[in-house]
Protein backbone atom coordinates (compact mmCIF):
# COMPACT_ATOMS: atom_id res chain seq x y z
CA MET A 1 3.20 -28.19 -11.26
CA GLU A 2 0.48 -25.79 -10.60
CA ARG A 3 1.17 -22.29 -9.41
CA ARG A 4 -1.17 -19.56 -8.29
CA VAL A 5 -0.70 -15.59 -8.65
CA ARG A 6 -2.57 -13.00 -7.09
CA ALA A 7 -2.17 -9.83 -5.52
CA MET A 8 -2.77 -9.01 -1.88
CA TYR A 9 -3.12 -5.52 -0.61
CA PHE A 10 -4.05 -2.59 1.84
CA SER A 11 -5.22 0.39 -0.05
CA GLY A 12 -7.37 3.14 1.39
CA THR A 13 -7.75 5.11 -1.69
CA GLY A 14 -7.11 2.84 -4.37
CA THR A 15 -3.62 3.89 -5.42
CA THR A 16 -1.76 0.65 -3.83
CA ALA A 17 -4.70 -1.69 -5.55
CA LYS A 18 -4.23 -0.21 -8.86
CA VAL A 19 -0.43 -1.02 -8.84
CA VAL A 20 -0.48 -4.36 -7.39
CA THR A 21 -3.31 -5.73 -9.09
CA ALA A 22 -1.58 -4.77 -12.40
CA VAL A 23 1.53 -6.33 -11.47
CA ALA A 24 -0.24 -9.43 -10.36
CA TYR A 25 -2.37 -9.82 -13.71
CA GLU A 26 0.62 -8.73 -16.12
CA MET A 27 3.00 -11.27 -14.40
CA TRP A 28 0.54 -13.97 -14.55
CA GLU A 29 -0.03 -13.26 -18.12
CA ALA A 30 3.60 -13.33 -19.30
CA LEU A 31 4.29 -16.69 -16.96
CA HIS A 32 1.28 -18.03 -18.45
CA GLU A 33 2.54 -17.31 -22.00
CA ASN A 34 6.14 -18.02 -21.74
CA ASP A 35 6.70 -20.95 -19.25
CA GLY A 36 5.47 -24.19 -20.74
CA ASN A 37 6.61 -26.42 -17.61
CA VAL A 38 3.95 -25.14 -15.25
CA LYS A 39 0.51 -24.15 -15.22
CA TYR A 40 -0.34 -20.65 -13.70
CA THR A 41 -3.85 -19.89 -12.39
CA LYS A 42 -4.85 -16.22 -11.51
CA ALA A 43 -6.09 -16.14 -8.31
CA PRO A 44 -8.63 -14.29 -6.57
CA ASN A 45 -6.93 -11.18 -5.34
CA ILE A 46 -7.04 -10.40 -1.57
CA ASN A 47 -7.94 -6.99 -0.01
CA PHE A 48 -7.22 -6.69 3.34
CA THR A 49 -8.64 -2.97 3.53
CA PRO A 50 -11.68 -3.73 5.18
CA LYS A 51 -11.43 -4.33 9.07
CA THR A 52 -13.20 -7.88 8.70
CA ALA A 53 -10.85 -9.12 6.20
CA ARG A 54 -8.13 -8.63 8.70
CA GLN A 55 -10.02 -10.83 11.17
CA LYS A 56 -9.24 -13.81 8.77
CA GLN A 57 -6.02 -15.88 8.79
CA TYR A 58 -4.20 -16.37 5.32
CA GLU A 59 -1.70 -19.18 4.19
CA PHE A 60 0.03 -20.21 1.42
CA ASP A 61 2.58 -22.63 0.33
CA GLU A 62 5.30 -23.28 -2.45
CA ASN A 63 2.65 -23.07 -4.95
CA ASP A 64 1.82 -19.71 -4.28
CA ILE A 65 3.15 -16.22 -5.95
CA VAL A 66 1.80 -13.27 -4.10
CA VAL A 67 2.17 -9.55 -5.27
CA PHE A 68 2.05 -7.89 -1.68
CA GLY A 69 1.23 -4.30 -1.21
CA THR A 70 0.85 -1.49 1.40
CA PRO A 71 0.95 2.32 1.90
CA VAL A 72 3.82 3.88 3.30
CA ILE A 73 2.65 5.94 6.37
CA ALA A 74 5.21 8.15 8.08
CA GLY A 75 7.74 6.34 6.33
CA ARG A 76 7.16 2.84 7.26
CA VAL A 77 4.51 0.13 6.86
CA PRO A 78 1.15 0.89 8.70
CA ASN A 79 1.75 0.14 12.37
CA VAL A 80 -2.07 -0.82 12.15
CA LEU A 81 -1.10 -3.65 10.17
CA LEU A 82 1.54 -5.21 12.17
CA LYS A 83 -0.74 -7.42 14.37
CA PHE A 84 -2.30 -8.87 11.11
CA LEU A 85 0.98 -9.13 9.20
CA ASP A 86 2.20 -11.30 12.01
CA THR A 87 -0.70 -13.99 11.42
CA LEU A 88 0.50 -14.12 7.88
CA ARG A 89 1.76 -18.01 7.01
CA GLY A 90 4.03 -17.90 3.59
CA ASP A 91 5.39 -21.62 4.03
CA GLY A 92 7.69 -21.29 1.05
CA ALA A 93 5.43 -18.86 -1.11
CA MET A 94 7.06 -16.53 -3.40
CA ALA A 95 6.15 -12.67 -2.42
CA ILE A 96 6.77 -9.34 -4.27
CA PRO A 97 6.57 -6.90 -1.66
CA VAL A 98 5.35 -3.47 -3.36
CA VAL A 99 4.97 -0.12 -1.30
CA VAL A 100 3.21 3.15 -2.57
CA TYR A 101 4.11 6.60 -0.89
CA GLY A 102 2.86 10.27 -1.42
CA ASN A 103 6.27 11.81 -3.46
CA ARG A 104 8.10 12.46 -0.06
CA ASP A 105 9.76 9.20 0.62
CA PHE A 106 9.44 5.38 1.13
CA ASP A 107 12.18 5.51 3.68
CA ASP A 108 12.24 2.04 5.66
CA ALA A 109 9.01 1.16 4.64
CA LEU A 110 10.13 -1.49 1.70
CA ILE A 111 12.79 -3.32 3.88
CA GLU A 112 10.04 -3.35 6.43
CA LEU A 113 7.79 -4.72 4.45
CA ARG A 114 10.25 -7.32 2.88
CA ASN A 115 11.78 -8.34 6.37
CA ILE A 116 8.21 -8.92 7.67
CA LEU A 117 7.43 -11.66 4.69
CA GLU A 118 10.82 -13.03 4.86
CA ASP A 119 9.85 -13.77 8.84
CA LYS A 120 6.35 -15.31 8.04
CA GLY A 121 7.73 -17.64 5.50
CA PHE A 122 7.70 -16.11 2.13
CA HIS A 123 10.62 -16.02 -0.38
CA THR A 124 10.94 -12.32 -1.70
CA ILE A 125 12.14 -12.35 -5.13
CA ALA A 126 11.71 -8.92 -6.20
CA ALA A 127 10.55 -5.50 -4.76
CA ALA A 128 9.33 -2.07 -5.58
CA ALA A 129 8.54 1.20 -4.34
CA PHE A 130 5.79 3.26 -6.39
CA ILE A 131 4.25 6.92 -6.06
CA GLY A 132 0.81 7.53 -5.26
CA GLU A 133 -1.20 10.69 -5.07
CA HIS A 134 -0.57 11.58 -1.37
CA SER A 135 -3.59 10.79 0.74
CA PHE A 136 -3.37 14.17 2.19
CA SER A 137 -3.62 16.21 -0.96
CA GLN A 138 -5.06 16.28 -4.50
CA THR A 139 -2.23 18.22 -5.98
CA LEU A 140 0.84 16.32 -4.44
CA ALA A 141 1.80 13.48 -6.94
CA GLU A 142 -1.56 14.28 -8.31
CA GLY A 143 -3.26 11.56 -10.42
CA ARG A 144 -0.63 8.97 -9.66
CA PRO A 145 0.02 6.40 -10.29
CA ASP A 146 -0.52 7.74 -14.02
CA GLY A 147 0.61 6.13 -17.53
CA GLU A 148 3.98 6.09 -17.13
CA ASP A 149 4.06 4.28 -13.65
CA MET A 150 1.80 1.79 -15.11
CA GLU A 151 3.97 1.21 -18.06
CA LEU A 152 7.20 0.77 -15.51
CA ALA A 153 4.77 -1.60 -13.24
CA SER A 154 4.12 -3.58 -16.64
CA ASN A 155 7.59 -3.73 -17.39
CA PHE A 156 8.40 -4.47 -13.89
CA ALA A 157 5.75 -7.59 -13.72
CA GLU A 158 7.43 -8.78 -17.04
CA LYS A 159 10.99 -9.05 -15.14
CA CYS A 160 9.71 -10.79 -12.21
CA ALA A 161 8.17 -13.34 -14.48
CA ASP A 162 11.65 -13.74 -16.27
CA LYS A 163 13.31 -14.04 -13.00
CA ILE A 164 10.82 -16.71 -11.62
CA ILE A 165 11.02 -18.54 -15.16
CA SER A 166 14.64 -18.41 -15.31
CA VAL A 167 15.99 -19.11 -11.72
CA PRO A 168 13.78 -21.85 -10.18
CA ASP A 169 15.25 -21.80 -7.13
CA LEU A 170 14.90 -18.36 -5.38
CA THR A 171 15.34 -18.49 -1.84
CA LEU A 172 17.62 -15.21 -1.31
CA ALA A 173 15.71 -12.49 0.11
CA VAL A 174 15.69 -9.22 -2.65
CA LYS A 175 17.99 -6.60 -1.74
CA VAL A 176 16.08 -3.01 -1.42
CA ASP A 177 17.01 0.53 0.12
CA GLY A 178 16.40 1.10 3.62
CA ASN A 179 17.96 1.24 6.93
CA GLU A 180 18.46 -1.78 9.69
CA PRO A 181 17.69 -1.30 12.32
CA LEU A 182 14.63 0.85 11.01
CA ARG A 183 14.57 4.55 11.49
CA PRO A 184 11.59 5.87 13.70
CA TYR A 185 8.67 6.79 12.10
CA TYR A 186 8.72 10.15 10.17
CA GLN A 187 7.48 12.88 12.39
CA PRO A 188 6.47 16.48 10.63
CA THR A 189 7.83 19.33 12.16
CA ASP A 190 7.27 23.14 11.59
CA ARG A 191 10.07 25.51 10.25
CA LYS A 192 11.56 25.72 13.90
CA GLY A 193 11.95 21.97 13.93
CA VAL A 194 9.09 21.76 16.38
CA HIS A 195 7.33 18.41 15.94
CA ILE A 196 3.58 19.10 15.00
CA ASP A 197 1.38 16.36 16.60
CA ILE A 198 -1.28 15.19 14.30
CA LEU A 199 -1.90 11.48 15.38
CA LYS A 200 -5.47 12.60 17.00
CA VAL A 201 -6.44 14.70 14.39
CA LYS A 202 -9.95 13.29 12.77
CA PRO A 203 -11.81 14.42 9.34
CA LYS A 204 -14.97 16.41 10.68
CA LEU A 205 -18.35 16.34 8.47
CA ASP A 206 -20.20 19.41 6.88
CA GLU A 207 -23.74 18.12 7.75
CA THR A 208 -25.04 20.65 5.30
CA LYS A 209 -23.33 18.14 2.45
CA CYS A 210 -23.77 15.18 4.08
CA ASN A 211 -26.83 12.80 2.62
CA GLN A 212 -26.11 9.78 4.77
CA CYS A 213 -25.53 7.54 1.86
CA GLY A 214 -22.97 5.22 4.12
CA MET A 215 -19.93 5.25 1.68
CA CYS A 216 -17.45 6.45 4.12
CA VAL A 217 -18.69 3.80 6.69
CA GLU A 218 -17.89 1.14 4.10
CA LEU A 219 -14.50 2.92 3.39
CA CYS A 220 -13.11 3.24 6.78
CA PRO A 221 -10.11 0.59 7.05
CA MET A 222 -10.34 0.99 10.77
CA GLY A 223 -14.32 0.71 11.23
CA SER A 224 -14.37 3.96 12.78
CA ILE A 225 -17.27 5.18 11.22
CA LYS A 226 -20.49 3.49 12.04
CA LYS A 227 -23.64 3.18 9.86
CA GLU A 228 -26.18 4.57 12.69
CA THR A 229 -23.74 8.23 12.45
CA PRO A 230 -22.29 8.24 8.92
CA GLY A 231 -19.43 10.72 8.56
CA HIS A 232 -18.50 10.97 11.99
CA VAL A 233 -15.11 9.28 12.75
CA GLU A 234 -15.37 7.70 16.21
CA GLY A 235 -12.77 5.79 16.68
CA ILE A 236 -8.93 5.44 15.21
CA CYS A 237 -8.31 7.59 12.22
CA ILE A 238 -4.87 6.32 10.11
CA LYS A 239 -5.61 9.28 7.65
CA CYS A 240 -5.78 7.21 4.52
CA CYS A 241 -8.42 9.90 3.64
CA GLY A 242 -10.60 7.61 1.82
CA CYS A 243 -13.47 8.95 3.17
CA VAL A 244 -12.45 12.24 2.13
CA LYS A 245 -11.81 11.97 -1.27
CA LYS A 246 -14.13 9.48 -2.11
CA CYS A 247 -17.13 11.33 -0.17
CA PRO A 248 -19.58 11.70 -2.92
CA GLN A 249 -20.83 15.28 -1.50
CA GLN A 250 -17.46 16.19 -0.54
CA ALA A 251 -18.60 16.30 2.90
CA LEU A 252 -15.52 15.42 4.85
CA TYR A 253 -12.63 17.73 5.59
CA PHE A 254 -9.65 18.57 7.86
CA ASP A 255 -9.48 22.03 9.66
CA ASP A 256 -6.77 21.31 12.01
CA PRO A 257 -4.13 23.84 11.75
CA GLY A 258 -1.38 21.72 12.36
CA TYR A 259 -2.38 19.05 9.82
CA LEU A 260 -3.17 21.81 7.10
CA TYR A 261 0.29 23.23 7.82
CA HIS A 262 1.83 19.98 7.37
CA LYS A 263 0.08 18.96 4.12
CA GLU A 264 1.03 22.49 2.83
CA GLU A 265 4.79 21.92 3.69
CA LEU A 266 4.62 18.37 1.80
CA GLU A 267 2.71 20.39 -1.26
CA LEU A 268 5.55 22.99 -1.59
CA GLY A 269 8.72 20.66 -0.65
CA TYR A 270 7.87 17.49 -2.35
CA ALA A 271 6.45 19.10 -5.83
CA GLU A 272 9.36 17.65 -7.97
CA ARG A 273 8.38 14.07 -9.81
CA LYS A 274 9.75 11.30 -8.04
CA SER A 275 10.27 7.86 -9.88
CA PRO A 276 9.38 4.62 -8.79
CA LYS A 277 12.15 2.44 -7.48
CA LEU A 278 12.49 -1.43 -8.77
CA PHE A 279 14.22 -4.01 -6.99
CA LEU A 280 15.14 -7.40 -8.86
CA ASP A 281 18.46 -8.54 -7.56
């Protein structure tokens, strides 16, 4: 028997990728070293952050083990990914759903991702919620996942490997935190409880800083920044903030009052360090 181990992820700023690729690699190492009855291959990871990657169909089978990661947006799996996720075919593959959130809460994102994978024919054997630096901020969960987080990710990977080796017939869905039915998407409010609508807010460009390097064009997961007009967000913006945080010239920024208010409230209200949650039962 030969099994393939890989990570599959959407990651606007790289935090989700950092966690899931580490878990996949270290789980493969542990399986390779400790299970002499099965050959384990470290298969190429699948990064479905680029829009073009989500135009492909991905099919797996019972010989695949996939560490599957998405960020949390508004307490849920990003809704722009749902159409793509509906095209997956698990066909008996093992999956480990992982969500990464910006230190507020992962709400129902993990149970939603688990259910999606189960519905598409995967067997979810373990799951986790990790913390990454909030996409809006450079201070909220700054630098996470950090060394402490990555040590937990390594331990989690080893426990996943132990479970795969010791329980050969893993068919029951892992139990995770979350509500069913799923709660509505999280909505920011002001201090009077009035909804702050930032759905259509987009970053702006400081033309004096932009050198038209095109990095933002490559980074935008929605394909909303065209190579003819780098820096100008013309289509849907999910506020992953990859273009803002990774622009070499720091030419992209937000100035919407509601967005800035919400960002400040998050930084003030959720400064206490949250710990990752791991699920193996």
